[in-house]
Amino acid sequence: MYESAVACDGTFDIALANLANAVKDQGRVADAIVYYKRAVAANADFAEAVCGLATALNSVCSWHGRGGVFAAGGKRDRIHVNDEGMLHEAANAYGWINRVVEIVAKQLKEGETWGCNTLTPN
């Protein structure tokens, strides 16, 4: 089903991410990474695709483009990995791991008000 949807529209982010999930569950992680990358290219804000890609890349120890989070002035997560897979000292936040952190922070911020006043009157 997802393959048909992707065949109709090669940039259909939801179908690409679901196809990636399906093939990953079959043990085809390398294929899943390709689909996740396509989903992220189609929609860089699609949390399921970004997080799925990060998980899949971590599962095969592929750190290329990981980047890092620049926290506590570089004292935490102080070694980052660039697109070529080279390690370097943290200087700023970038890469797919930083994108996951940004997405989670946004979801937590938005979630602060979900359901407020639904059971009690204003």
PDB file of N, CA and C in Angstrom:
ATOM      1  N   MET A   1       0.817  -1.181   0.000  1.00  0.00           N
ATOM      2  CA  MET A   1       0.000   0.000   0.000  1.00  0.00           C
ATOM      3  C   MET A   1       0.871   1.258   0.000  1.00  0.00           C
ATOM      4  N   TYR A   2       1.867   1.324   0.926  1.00  0.00           N
ATOM      5  CA  TYR A   2       2.722   2.506   0.985  1.00  0.00           C
ATOM      6  C   TYR A   2       3.564   2.637  -0.284  1.00  0.00           C
ATOM      7  N   GLU A   3       4.003   1.503  -0.808  1.00  0.00           N
ATOM      8  CA  GLU A   3       4.783   1.535  -2.045  1.00  0.00           C
ATOM      9  C   GLU A   3       3.964   2.130  -3.177  1.00  0.00           C
ATOM     10  N   SER A   4       2.680   1.799  -3.243  1.00  0.00           N
ATOM     11  CA  SER A   4       1.803   2.364  -4.269  1.00  0.00           C
ATOM     12  C   SER A   4       1.654   3.871  -4.099  1.00  0.00           C
ATOM     13  N   ALA A   5       1.502   4.311  -2.863  1.00  0.00           N
ATOM     14  CA  ALA A   5       1.365   5.740  -2.593  1.00  0.00           C
ATOM     15  C   ALA A   5       2.634   6.483  -2.987  1.00  0.00           C
ATOM     16  N   VAL A   6       3.788   5.902  -2.672  1.00  0.00           N
ATOM     17  CA  VAL A   6       5.066   6.532  -3.012  1.00  0.00           C
ATOM     18  C   VAL A   6       5.269   6.523  -4.527  1.00  0.00           C
ATOM     19  N   ALA A   7       4.794   5.473  -5.198  1.00  0.00           N
ATOM     20  CA  ALA A   7       4.905   5.419  -6.660  1.00  0.00           C
ATOM     21  C   ALA A   7       4.074   6.531  -7.301  1.00  0.00           C
ATOM     22  N   CYS A   8       2.941   6.845  -6.701  1.00  0.00           N
ATOM     23  CA  CYS A   8       2.092   7.925  -7.218  1.00  0.00           C
ATOM     24  C   CYS A   8       2.683   9.299  -6.936  1.00  0.00           C
ATOM     25  N   ASP A   9       3.267   9.450  -5.756  1.00  0.00           N
ATOM     26  CA  ASP A   9       3.856  10.733  -5.365  1.00  0.00           C
ATOM     27  C   ASP A   9       5.119  10.454  -4.567  1.00  0.00           C
ATOM     28  N   GLY A  10       6.257  10.603  -5.202  1.00  0.00           N
ATOM     29  CA  GLY A  10       7.544  10.300  -4.582  1.00  0.00           C
ATOM     30  C   GLY A  10       7.944  11.236  -3.467  1.00  0.00           C
ATOM     31  N   THR A  11       7.132  12.289  -3.227  1.00  0.00           N
ATOM     32  CA  THR A  11       7.420  13.211  -2.125  1.00  0.00           C
ATOM     33  C   THR A  11       6.342  13.163  -1.038  1.00  0.00           C
ATOM     34  N   PHE A  12       5.523  12.127  -1.050  1.00  0.00           N
ATOM     35  CA  PHE A  12       4.459  11.972  -0.061  1.00  0.00           C
ATOM     36  C   PHE A  12       5.100  11.545   1.261  1.00  0.00           C
ATOM     37  N   ASP A  13       5.388  12.520   2.118  1.00  0.00           N
ATOM     38  CA  ASP A  13       6.162  12.304   3.337  1.00  0.00           C
ATOM     39  C   ASP A  13       5.582  11.246   4.268  1.00  0.00           C
ATOM     40  N   ILE A  14       4.275  11.242   4.440  1.00  0.00           N
ATOM     41  CA  ILE A  14       3.644  10.274   5.349  1.00  0.00           C
ATOM     42  C   ILE A  14       3.804   8.855   4.814  1.00  0.00           C
ATOM     43  N   ALA A  15       3.580   8.669   3.524  1.00  0.00           N
ATOM     44  CA  ALA A  15       3.750   7.339   2.917  1.00  0.00           C
ATOM     45  C   ALA A  15       5.205   6.893   2.979  1.00  0.00           C
ATOM     46  N   LEU A  16       6.134   7.817   2.726  1.00  0.00           N
ATOM     47  CA  LEU A  16       7.554   7.473   2.781  1.00  0.00           C
ATOM     48  C   LEU A  16       7.961   7.039   4.187  1.00  0.00           C
ATOM     49  N   ALA A  17       7.527   7.775   5.196  1.00  0.00           N
ATOM     50  CA  ALA A  17       7.871   7.420   6.577  1.00  0.00           C
ATOM     51  C   ALA A  17       7.228   6.092   6.982  1.00  0.00           C
ATOM     52  N   ASN A  18       5.984   5.869   6.582  1.00  0.00           N
ATOM     53  CA  ASN A  18       5.327   4.603   6.910  1.00  0.00           C
ATOM     54  C   ASN A  18       5.980   3.439   6.185  1.00  0.00           C
ATOM     55  N   LEU A  19       6.389   3.649   4.944  1.00  0.00           N
ATOM     56  CA  LEU A  19       7.108   2.611   4.209  1.00  0.00           C
ATOM     57  C   LEU A  19       8.439   2.329   4.898  1.00  0.00           C
ATOM     58  N   ALA A  20       9.119   3.374   5.339  1.00  0.00           N
ATOM     59  CA  ALA A  20      10.373   3.190   6.071  1.00  0.00           C
ATOM     60  C   ALA A  20      10.146   2.372   7.340  1.00  0.00           C
ATOM     61  N   ASN A  21       9.087   2.685   8.084  1.00  0.00           N
ATOM     62  CA  ASN A  21       8.770   1.921   9.293  1.00  0.00           C
ATOM     63  C   ASN A  21       8.534   0.452   8.961  1.00  0.00           C
ATOM     64  N   ALA A  22       7.794   0.207   7.886  1.00  0.00           N
ATOM     65  CA  ALA A  22       7.462  -1.171   7.509  1.00  0.00           C
ATOM     66  C   ALA A  22       8.706  -1.970   7.128  1.00  0.00           C
ATOM     67  N   VAL A  23       9.572  -1.390   6.304  1.00  0.00           N
ATOM     68  CA  VAL A  23      10.756  -2.148   5.885  1.00  0.00           C
ATOM     69  C   VAL A  23      11.759  -2.278   7.037  1.00  0.00           C
ATOM     70  N   LYS A  24      11.807  -1.272   7.924  1.00  0.00           N
ATOM     71  CA  LYS A  24      12.685  -1.376   9.099  1.00  0.00           C
ATOM     72  C   LYS A  24      12.240  -2.545   9.971  1.00  0.00           C
ATOM     73  N   ASP A  25      10.918  -2.689  10.140  1.00  0.00           N
ATOM     74  CA  ASP A  25      10.388  -3.784  10.950  1.00  0.00           C
ATOM     75  C   ASP A  25      10.678  -5.153  10.332  1.00  0.00           C
ATOM     76  N   GLN A  26      10.951  -5.173   9.036  1.00  0.00           N
ATOM     77  CA  GLN A  26      11.331  -6.416   8.357  1.00  0.00           C
ATOM     78  C   GLN A  26      12.837  -6.658   8.430  1.00  0.00           C
ATOM     79  N   GLY A  27      13.547  -5.759   9.086  1.00  0.00           N
ATOM     80  CA  GLY A  27      14.990  -5.898   9.209  1.00  0.00           C
ATOM     81  C   GLY A  27      15.772  -5.247   8.084  1.00  0.00           C
ATOM     82  N   ARG A  28      15.110  -4.517   7.229  1.00  0.00           N
ATOM     83  CA  ARG A  28      15.756  -3.869   6.081  1.00  0.00           C
ATOM     84  C   ARG A  28      16.074  -2.414   6.444  1.00  0.00           C
ATOM     85  N   VAL A  29      16.998  -2.247   7.377  1.00  0.00           N
ATOM     86  CA  VAL A  29      17.292  -0.919   7.920  1.00  0.00           C
ATOM     87  C   VAL A  29      17.898  -0.013   6.850  1.00  0.00           C
ATOM     88  N   ALA A  30      18.768  -0.532   6.005  1.00  0.00           N
ATOM     89  CA  ALA A  30      19.385   0.295   4.959  1.00  0.00           C
ATOM     90  C   ALA A  30      18.323   0.866   4.019  1.00  0.00           C
ATOM     91  N   ASP A  31      17.334   0.052   3.656  1.00  0.00           N
ATOM     92  CA  ASP A  31      16.237   0.542   2.815  1.00  0.00           C
ATOM     93  C   ASP A  31      15.413   1.585   3.567  1.00  0.00           C
ATOM     94  N   ALA A  32      15.188   1.335   4.851  1.00  0.00           N
ATOM     95  CA  ALA A  32      14.413   2.272   5.665  1.00  0.00           C
ATOM     96  C   ALA A  32      15.090   3.637   5.708  1.00  0.00           C
ATOM     97  N   ILE A  33      16.397   3.653   5.852  1.00  0.00           N
ATOM     98  CA  ILE A  33      17.135   4.918   5.910  1.00  0.00           C
ATOM     99  C   ILE A  33      16.908   5.729   4.639  1.00  0.00           C
ATOM    100  N   VAL A  34      16.921   5.063   3.496  1.00  0.00           N
ATOM    101  CA  VAL A  34      16.681   5.756   2.220  1.00  0.00           C
ATOM    102  C   VAL A  34      15.298   6.398   2.216  1.00  0.00           C
ATOM    103  N   TYR A  35      14.276   5.661   2.657  1.00  0.00           N
ATOM    104  CA  TYR A  35      12.914   6.197   2.684  1.00  0.00           C
ATOM    105  C   TYR A  35      12.766   7.328   3.707  1.00  0.00           C
ATOM    106  N   TYR A  36      13.382   7.144   4.889  1.00  0.00           N
ATOM    107  CA  TYR A  36      13.325   8.218   5.887  1.00  0.00           C
ATOM    108  C   TYR A  36      13.981   9.487   5.349  1.00  0.00           C
ATOM    109  N   LYS A  37      15.129   9.349   4.694  1.00  0.00           N
ATOM    110  CA  LYS A  37      15.808  10.530   4.137  1.00  0.00           C
ATOM    111  C   LYS A  37      14.930  11.229   3.104  1.00  0.00           C
ATOM    112  N   ARG A  38      14.229  10.447   2.291  1.00  0.00           N
ATOM    113  CA  ARG A  38      13.322  11.044   1.314  1.00  0.00           C
ATOM    114  C   ARG A  38      12.167  11.765   2.012  1.00  0.00           C
ATOM    115  N   ALA A  39      11.634  11.171   3.074  1.00  0.00           N
ATOM    116  CA  ALA A  39      10.537  11.797   3.821  1.00  0.00           C
ATOM    117  C   ALA A  39      10.997  13.100   4.455  1.00  0.00           C
ATOM    118  N   VAL A  40      12.199  13.106   5.029  1.00  0.00           N
ATOM    119  CA  VAL A  40      12.735  14.320   5.649  1.00  0.00           C
ATOM    120  C   VAL A  40      13.012  15.378   4.586  1.00  0.00           C
ATOM    121  N   ALA A  41      13.491  14.960   3.423  1.00  0.00           N
ATOM    122  CA  ALA A  41      13.726  15.916   2.332  1.00  0.00           C
ATOM    123  C   ALA A  41      12.410  16.549   1.877  1.00  0.00           C
ATOM    124  N   ALA A  42      11.338  15.766   1.904  1.00  0.00           N
ATOM    125  CA  ALA A  42      10.022  16.277   1.504  1.00  0.00           C
ATOM    126  C   ALA A  42       9.429  17.196   2.562  1.00  0.00           C
ATOM    127  N   ASN A  43       9.711  16.906   3.833  1.00  0.00           N
ATOM    128  CA  ASN A  43       9.140  17.709   4.930  1.00  0.00           C
ATOM    129  C   ASN A  43      10.073  17.629   6.135  1.00  0.00           C
ATOM    130  N   ALA A  44      10.953  18.601   6.258  1.00  0.00           N
ATOM    131  CA  ALA A  44      11.947  18.615   7.337  1.00  0.00           C
ATOM    132  C   ALA A  44      11.331  18.777   8.716  1.00  0.00           C
ATOM    133  N   ASP A  45      10.046  19.149   8.793  1.00  0.00           N
ATOM    134  CA  ASP A  45       9.369  19.312  10.076  1.00  0.00           C
ATOM    135  C   ASP A  45       8.526  18.115  10.473  1.00  0.00           C
ATOM    136  N   PHE A  46       8.569  17.055   9.684  1.00  0.00           N
ATOM    137  CA  PHE A  46       7.765  15.866   9.964  1.00  0.00           C
ATOM    138  C   PHE A  46       8.480  15.036  11.035  1.00  0.00           C
ATOM    139  N   ALA A  47       8.018  15.191  12.271  1.00  0.00           N
ATOM    140  CA  ALA A  47       8.689  14.602  13.432  1.00  0.00           C
ATOM    141  C   ALA A  47       8.910  13.099  13.294  1.00  0.00           C
ATOM    142  N   GLU A  48       7.918  12.363  12.824  1.00  0.00           N
ATOM    143  CA  GLU A  48       8.041  10.911  12.727  1.00  0.00           C
ATOM    144  C   GLU A  48       9.155  10.514  11.765  1.00  0.00           C
ATOM    145  N   ALA A  49       9.314  11.275  10.685  1.00  0.00           N
ATOM    146  CA  ALA A  49      10.370  10.968   9.720  1.00  0.00           C
ATOM    147  C   ALA A  49      11.746  11.308  10.288  1.00  0.00           C
ATOM    148  N   VAL A  50      11.871  12.473  10.915  1.00  0.00           N
ATOM    149  CA  VAL A  50      13.150  12.890  11.475  1.00  0.00           C
ATOM    150  C   VAL A  50      13.585  11.933  12.581  1.00  0.00           C
ATOM    151  N   CYS A  51      12.677  11.613  13.479  1.00  0.00           N
ATOM    152  CA  CYS A  51      13.006  10.716  14.592  1.00  0.00           C
ATOM    153  C   CYS A  51      13.243   9.294  14.108  1.00  0.00           C
ATOM    154  N   GLY A  52      12.472   8.858  13.122  1.00  0.00           N
ATOM    155  CA  GLY A  52      12.696   7.535  12.540  1.00  0.00           C
ATOM    156  C   GLY A  52      14.060   7.439  11.889  1.00  0.00           C
ATOM    157  N   LEU A  53      14.447   8.489  11.172  1.00  0.00           N
ATOM    158  CA  LEU A  53      15.766   8.522  10.542  1.00  0.00           C
ATOM    159  C   LEU A  53      16.861   8.466  11.601  1.00  0.00           C
ATOM    160  N   ALA A  54      16.733   9.266  12.635  1.00  0.00           N
ATOM    161  CA  ALA A  54      17.742   9.275  13.698  1.00  0.00           C
ATOM    162  C   ALA A  54      17.869   7.896  14.342  1.00  0.00           C
ATOM    163  N   THR A  55      16.755   7.258  14.615  1.00  0.00           N
ATOM    164  CA  THR A  55      16.773   5.935  15.232  1.00  0.00           C
ATOM    165  C   THR A  55      17.419   4.910  14.306  1.00  0.00           C
ATOM    166  N   ALA A  56      17.050   4.956  13.036  1.00  0.00           N
ATOM    167  CA  ALA A  56      17.609   4.003  12.071  1.00  0.00           C
ATOM    168  C   ALA A  56      19.114   4.208  11.901  1.00  0.00           C
ATOM    169  N   LEU A  57      19.545   5.460  11.794  1.00  0.00           N
ATOM    170  CA  LEU A  57      20.980   5.740  11.656  1.00  0.00           C
ATOM    171  C   LEU A  57      21.743   5.288  12.891  1.00  0.00           C
ATOM    172  N   ASN A  58      21.184   5.547  14.071  1.00  0.00           N
ATOM    173  CA  ASN A  58      21.832   5.088  15.300  1.00  0.00           C
ATOM    174  C   ASN A  58      21.935   3.568  15.343  1.00  0.00           C
ATOM    175  N   SER A  59      20.921   2.880  14.848  1.00  0.00           N
ATOM    176  CA  SER A  59      20.904   1.416  14.936  1.00  0.00           C
ATOM    177  C   SER A  59      21.985   0.767  14.096  1.00  0.00           C
ATOM    178  N   VAL A  60      22.479   1.463  13.082  1.00  0.00           N
ATOM    179  CA  VAL A  60      23.568   0.926  12.255  1.00  0.00           C
ATOM    180  C   VAL A  60      24.871   1.693  12.485  1.00  0.00           C
ATOM    181  N   CYS A  61      24.903   2.491  13.559  1.00  0.00           N
ATOM    182  CA  CYS A  61      26.091   3.272  13.925  1.00  0.00           C
ATOM    183  C   CYS A  61      26.580   4.160  12.787  1.00  0.00           C
ATOM    184  N   SER A  62      25.633   4.772  12.089  1.00  0.00           N
ATOM    185  CA  SER A  62      25.976   5.725  11.039  1.00  0.00           C
ATOM    186  C   SER A  62      25.861   7.122  11.627  1.00  0.00           C
ATOM    187  N   TRP A  63      26.996   7.720  11.895  1.00  0.00           N
ATOM    188  CA  TRP A  63      27.013   9.006  12.573  1.00  0.00           C
ATOM    189  C   TRP A  63      27.156  10.181  11.612  1.00  0.00           C
ATOM    190  N   HIS A  64      27.351   9.923  10.323  1.00  0.00           N
ATOM    191  CA  HIS A  64      27.530  11.007   9.351  1.00  0.00           C
ATOM    192  C   HIS A  64      26.367  11.992   9.445  1.00  0.00           C
ATOM    193  N   GLY A  65      26.697  13.271   9.607  1.00  0.00           N
ATOM    194  CA  GLY A  65      25.677  14.302   9.682  1.00  0.00           C
ATOM    195  C   GLY A  65      24.981  14.391  11.025  1.00  0.00           C
ATOM    196  N   ARG A  66      25.452  13.616  12.025  1.00  0.00           N
ATOM    197  CA  ARG A  66      24.820  13.631  13.344  1.00  0.00           C
ATOM    198  C   ARG A  66      24.830  15.032  13.927  1.00  0.00           C
ATOM    199  N   GLY A  67      25.942  15.735  13.744  1.00  0.00           N
ATOM    200  CA  GLY A  67      26.051  17.045  14.359  1.00  0.00           C
ATOM    201  C   GLY A  67      26.052  16.904  15.857  1.00  0.00           C
ATOM    202  N   GLY A  68      25.316  17.765  16.511  1.00  0.00           N
ATOM    203  CA  GLY A  68      25.233  17.694  17.952  1.00  0.00           C
ATOM    204  C   GLY A  68      24.455  18.859  18.516  1.00  0.00           C
ATOM    205  N   VAL A  69      24.297  18.817  19.806  1.00  0.00           N
ATOM    206  CA  VAL A  69      23.573  19.857  20.524  1.00  0.00           C
ATOM    207  C   VAL A  69      24.619  20.691  21.256  1.00  0.00           C
ATOM    208  N   PHE A  70      24.567  21.980  21.080  1.00  0.00           N
ATOM    209  CA  PHE A  70      25.523  22.865  21.756  1.00  0.00           C
ATOM    210  C   PHE A  70      24.887  23.296  23.060  1.00  0.00           C
ATOM    211  N   ALA A  71      25.173  22.563  24.119  1.00  0.00           N
ATOM    212  CA  ALA A  71      24.550  22.821  25.417  1.00  0.00           C
ATOM    213  C   ALA A  71      25.628  23.135  26.447  1.00  0.00           C
ATOM    214  N   ALA A  72      25.272  23.959  27.405  1.00  0.00           N
ATOM    215  CA  ALA A  72      26.172  24.332  28.508  1.00  0.00           C
ATOM    216  C   ALA A  72      27.503  24.828  27.967  1.00  0.00           C
ATOM    217  N   GLY A  73      27.424  25.672  26.932  1.00  0.00           N
ATOM    218  CA  GLY A  73      28.642  26.240  26.364  1.00  0.00           C
ATOM    219  C   GLY A  73      29.567  25.218  25.747  1.00  0.00           C
ATOM    220  N   GLY A  74      29.008  24.103  25.306  1.00  0.00           N
ATOM    221  CA  GLY A  74      29.814  23.061  24.690  1.00  0.00           C
ATOM    222  C   GLY A  74      30.378  22.044  25.667  1.00  0.00           C
ATOM    223  N   LYS A  75      29.994  22.139  26.930  1.00  0.00           N
ATOM    224  CA  LYS A  75      30.505  21.202  27.935  1.00  0.00           C
ATOM    225  C   LYS A  75      29.785  19.858  27.874  1.00  0.00           C
ATOM    226  N   ARG A  76      28.519  19.870  27.422  1.00  0.00           N
ATOM    227  CA  ARG A  76      27.781  18.622  27.231  1.00  0.00           C
ATOM    228  C   ARG A  76      27.682  18.383  25.739  1.00  0.00           C
ATOM    229  N   ASP A  77      27.688  17.134  25.334  1.00  0.00           N
ATOM    230  CA  ASP A  77      27.666  16.763  23.912  1.00  0.00           C
ATOM    231  C   ASP A  77      28.751  17.552  23.184  1.00  0.00           C
ATOM    232  N   ARG A  78      29.958  17.483  23.715  1.00  0.00           N
ATOM    233  CA  ARG A  78      31.025  18.347  23.223  1.00  0.00           C
ATOM    234  C   ARG A  78      31.707  17.846  21.955  1.00  0.00           C
ATOM    235  N   ILE A  79      31.470  16.589  21.576  1.00  0.00           N
ATOM    236  CA  ILE A  79      32.035  16.068  20.331  1.00  0.00           C
ATOM    237  C   ILE A  79      30.905  15.884  19.330  1.00  0.00           C
ATOM    238  N   HIS A  80      31.016  16.538  18.195  1.00  0.00           N
ATOM    239  CA  HIS A  80      30.015  16.450  17.130  1.00  0.00           C
ATOM    240  C   HIS A  80      30.588  15.694  15.938  1.00  0.00           C
ATOM    241  N   VAL A  81      29.700  15.250  15.049  1.00  0.00           N
ATOM    242  CA  VAL A  81      30.113  14.512  13.858  1.00  0.00           C
ATOM    243  C   VAL A  81      29.562  15.226  12.634  1.00  0.00           C
ATOM    244  N   ASN A  82      30.457  15.608  11.716  1.00  0.00           N
ATOM    245  CA  ASN A  82      30.015  16.352  10.532  1.00  0.00           C
ATOM    246  C   ASN A  82      29.504  15.407   9.434  1.00  0.00           C
ATOM    247  N   ASP A  83      29.139  15.965   8.292  1.00  0.00           N
ATOM    248  CA  ASP A  83      28.564  15.174   7.199  1.00  0.00           C
ATOM    249  C   ASP A  83      29.533  14.139   6.642  1.00  0.00           C
ATOM    250  N   GLU A  84      30.831  14.371   6.815  1.00  0.00           N
ATOM    251  CA  GLU A  84      31.837  13.422   6.332  1.00  0.00           C
ATOM    252  C   GLU A  84      32.178  12.355   7.378  1.00  0.00           C
ATOM    253  N   GLY A  85      31.548  12.447   8.543  1.00  0.00           N
ATOM    254  CA  GLY A  85      31.790  11.475   9.598  1.00  0.00           C
ATOM    255  C   GLY A  85      32.982  11.802  10.477  1.00  0.00           C
ATOM    256  N   MET A  86      33.495  13.022  10.362  1.00  0.00           N
ATOM    257  CA  MET A  86      34.659  13.430  11.147  1.00  0.00           C
ATOM    258  C   MET A  86      34.223  14.034  12.486  1.00  0.00           C
ATOM    259  N   LEU A  87      34.953  13.679  13.527  1.00  0.00           N
ATOM    260  CA  LEU A  87      34.689  14.205  14.865  1.00  0.00           C
ATOM    261  C   LEU A  87      35.325  15.579  15.025  1.00  0.00           C
ATOM    262  N   HIS A  88      34.669  16.454  15.761  1.00  0.00           N
ATOM    263  CA  HIS A  88      35.244  17.755  16.073  1.00  0.00           C
ATOM    264  C   HIS A  88      34.597  18.304  17.336  1.00  0.00           C
ATOM    265  N   GLU A  89      35.276  19.253  17.954  1.00  0.00           N
ATOM    266  CA  GLU A  89      34.753  19.898  19.153  1.00  0.00           C
ATOM    267  C   GLU A  89      33.496  20.699  18.816  1.00  0.00           C
ATOM    268  N   ALA A  90      32.574  20.747  19.727  1.00  0.00           N
ATOM    269  CA  ALA A  90      31.320  21.473  19.528  1.00  0.00           C
ATOM    270  C   ALA A  90      31.581  22.970  19.413  1.00  0.00           C
ATOM    271  N   ALA A  91      30.954  23.579  18.422  1.00  0.00           N
ATOM    272  CA  ALA A  91      31.024  25.032  18.262  1.00  0.00           C
ATOM    273  C   ALA A  91      29.630  25.623  18.117  1.00  0.00           C
ATOM    274  N   ASN A  92      28.694  24.826  17.638  1.00  0.00           N
ATOM    275  CA  ASN A  92      27.300  25.253  17.493  1.00  0.00           C
ATOM    276  C   ASN A  92      26.432  23.998  17.343  1.00  0.00           C
ATOM    277  N   ALA A  93      25.132  24.197  17.401  1.00  0.00           N
ATOM    278  CA  ALA A  93      24.189  23.090  17.267  1.00  0.00           C
ATOM    279  C   ALA A  93      23.830  22.909  15.797  1.00  0.00           C
ATOM    280  N   TYR A  94      23.849  21.656  15.321  1.00  0.00           N
ATOM    281  CA  TYR A  94      23.463  21.363  13.944  1.00  0.00           C
ATOM    282  C   TYR A  94      23.275  19.856  13.793  1.00  0.00           C
ATOM    283  N   GLY A  95      22.846  19.434  12.637  1.00  0.00           N
ATOM    284  CA  GLY A  95      22.734  18.011  12.320  1.00  0.00           C
ATOM    285  C   GLY A  95      21.422  17.390  12.744  1.00  0.00           C
ATOM    286  N   TRP A  96      21.296  16.095  12.417  1.00  0.00           N
ATOM    287  CA  TRP A  96      20.022  15.427  12.661  1.00  0.00           C
ATOM    288  C   TRP A  96      19.730  15.209  14.136  1.00  0.00           C
ATOM    289  N   ILE A  97      20.748  15.056  14.966  1.00  0.00           N
ATOM    290  CA  ILE A  97      20.450  14.875  16.391  1.00  0.00           C
ATOM    291  C   ILE A  97      19.929  16.182  16.986  1.00  0.00           C
ATOM    292  N   ASN A  98      20.453  17.305  16.539  1.00  0.00           N
ATOM    293  CA  ASN A  98      19.942  18.594  16.995  1.00  0.00           C
ATOM    294  C   ASN A  98      18.510  18.792  16.518  1.00  0.00           C
ATOM    295  N   ARG A  99      18.209  18.334  15.312  1.00  0.00           N
ATOM    296  CA  ARG A  99      16.842  18.467  14.785  1.00  0.00           C
ATOM    297  C   ARG A  99      15.860  17.684  15.653  1.00  0.00           C
ATOM    298  N   VAL A 100      16.252  16.500  16.105  1.00  0.00           N
ATOM    299  CA  VAL A 100      15.397  15.712  17.006  1.00  0.00           C
ATOM    300  C   VAL A 100      15.150  16.494  18.297  1.00  0.00           C
ATOM    301  N   VAL A 101      16.188  17.075  18.859  1.00  0.00           N
ATOM    302  CA  VAL A 101      16.049  17.853  20.098  1.00  0.00           C
ATOM    303  C   VAL A 101      15.118  19.043  19.874  1.00  0.00           C
ATOM    304  N   GLU A 102      15.247  19.732  18.753  1.00  0.00           N
ATOM    305  CA  GLU A 102      14.363  20.860  18.451  1.00  0.00           C
ATOM    306  C   GLU A 102      12.902  20.420  18.354  1.00  0.00           C
ATOM    307  N   ILE A 103      12.672  19.291  17.695  1.00  0.00           N
ATOM    308  CA  ILE A 103      11.305  18.780  17.539  1.00  0.00           C
ATOM    309  C   ILE A 103      10.706  18.420  18.893  1.00  0.00           C
ATOM    310  N   VAL A 104      11.468  17.728  19.727  1.00  0.00           N
ATOM    311  CA  VAL A 104      10.972  17.339  21.043  1.00  0.00           C
ATOM    312  C   VAL A 104      10.684  18.581  21.883  1.00  0.00           C
ATOM    313  N   ALA A 105      11.565  19.566  21.847  1.00  0.00           N
ATOM    314  CA  ALA A 105      11.339  20.799  22.609  1.00  0.00           C
ATOM    315  C   ALA A 105      10.061  21.495  22.143  1.00  0.00           C
ATOM    316  N   LYS A 106       9.841  21.539  20.843  1.00  0.00           N
ATOM    317  CA  LYS A 106       8.623  22.157  20.296  1.00  0.00           C
ATOM    318  C   LYS A 106       7.382  21.391  20.749  1.00  0.00           C
ATOM    319  N   GLN A 107       7.438  20.059  20.685  1.00  0.00           N
ATOM    320  CA  GLN A 107       6.291  19.250  21.101  1.00  0.00           C
ATOM    321  C   GLN A 107       5.995  19.434  22.589  1.00  0.00           C
ATOM    322  N   LEU A 108       7.030  19.507  23.408  1.00  0.00           N
ATOM    323  CA  LEU A 108       6.820  19.719  24.833  1.00  0.00           C
ATOM    324  C   LEU A 108       6.210  21.090  25.100  1.00  0.00           C
ATOM    325  N   LYS A 109       6.703  22.106  24.395  1.00  0.00           N
ATOM    326  CA  LYS A 109       6.169  23.455  24.564  1.00  0.00           C
ATOM    327  C   LYS A 109       4.695  23.497  24.171  1.00  0.00           C
ATOM    328  N   GLU A 110       4.372  22.912  23.019  1.00  0.00           N
ATOM    329  CA  GLU A 110       2.983  22.893  22.559  1.00  0.00           C
ATOM    330  C   GLU A 110       2.107  22.066  23.496  1.00  0.00           C
ATOM    331  N   GLY A 111       2.675  21.023  24.071  1.00  0.00           N
ATOM    332  CA  GLY A 111       1.921  20.144  24.957  1.00  0.00           C
ATOM    333  C   GLY A 111       1.592  20.739  26.306  1.00  0.00           C
ATOM    334  N   GLU A 112       2.256  21.831  26.656  1.00  0.00           N
ATOM    335  CA  GLU A 112       1.990  22.471  27.949  1.00  0.00           C
ATOM    336  C   GLU A 112       0.541  22.901  28.096  1.00  0.00           C
ATOM    337  N   THR A 113      -0.088  23.254  26.998  1.00  0.00           N
ATOM    338  CA  THR A 113      -1.456  23.770  27.066  1.00  0.00           C
ATOM    339  C   THR A 113      -2.506  22.794  26.549  1.00  0.00           C
ATOM    340  N   TRP A 114      -2.084  21.645  26.056  1.00  0.00           N
ATOM    341  CA  TRP A 114      -3.066  20.673  25.544  1.00  0.00           C
ATOM    342  C   TRP A 114      -3.994  20.248  26.670  1.00  0.00           C
ATOM    343  N   GLY A 115      -5.249  20.318  26.426  1.00  0.00           N
ATOM    344  CA  GLY A 115      -6.240  19.848  27.381  1.00  0.00           C
ATOM    345  C   GLY A 115      -6.545  20.814  28.510  1.00  0.00           C
ATOM    346  N   CYS A 116      -5.893  21.963  28.528  1.00  0.00           N
ATOM    347  CA  CYS A 116      -6.175  22.930  29.604  1.00  0.00           C
ATOM    348  C   CYS A 116      -7.632  23.360  29.546  1.00  0.00           C
ATOM    349  N   ASN A 117      -8.269  23.378  30.678  1.00  0.00           N
ATOM    350  CA  ASN A 117      -9.661  23.834  30.829  1.00  0.00           C
ATOM    351  C   ASN A 117     -10.683  22.934  30.117  1.00  0.00           C
ATOM    352  N   THR A 118     -10.313  21.722  29.782  1.00  0.00           N
ATOM    353  CA  THR A 118     -11.290  20.848  29.137  1.00  0.00           C
ATOM    354  C   THR A 118     -12.238  20.211  30.141  1.00  0.00           C
ATOM    355  N   LEU A 119     -11.788  20.030  31.364  1.00  0.00           N
ATOM    356  CA  LEU A 119     -12.634  19.411  32.384  1.00  0.00           C
ATOM    357  C   LEU A 119     -13.172  20.411  33.392  1.00  0.00           C
ATOM    358  N   THR A 120     -12.604  21.586  33.399  1.00  0.00           N
ATOM    359  CA  THR A 120     -13.065  22.621  34.319  1.00  0.00           C
ATOM    360  C   THR A 120     -13.420  23.870  33.532  1.00  0.00           C
ATOM    361  N   PRO A 121     -14.412  24.595  33.991  1.00  0.00           N
ATOM    362  CA  PRO A 121     -14.775  25.837  33.279  1.00  0.00           C
ATOM    363  C   PRO A 121     -13.690  26.891  33.437  1.00  0.00           C
ATOM    364  N   ASN A 122     -13.669  27.817  32.504  1.00  0.00           N
ATOM    365  CA  ASN A 122     -12.670  28.920  32.539  1.00  0.00           C
ATOM    366  C   ASN A 122     -12.868  29.781  33.745  1.00  0.00           C
TER     367      ASN A 122
END
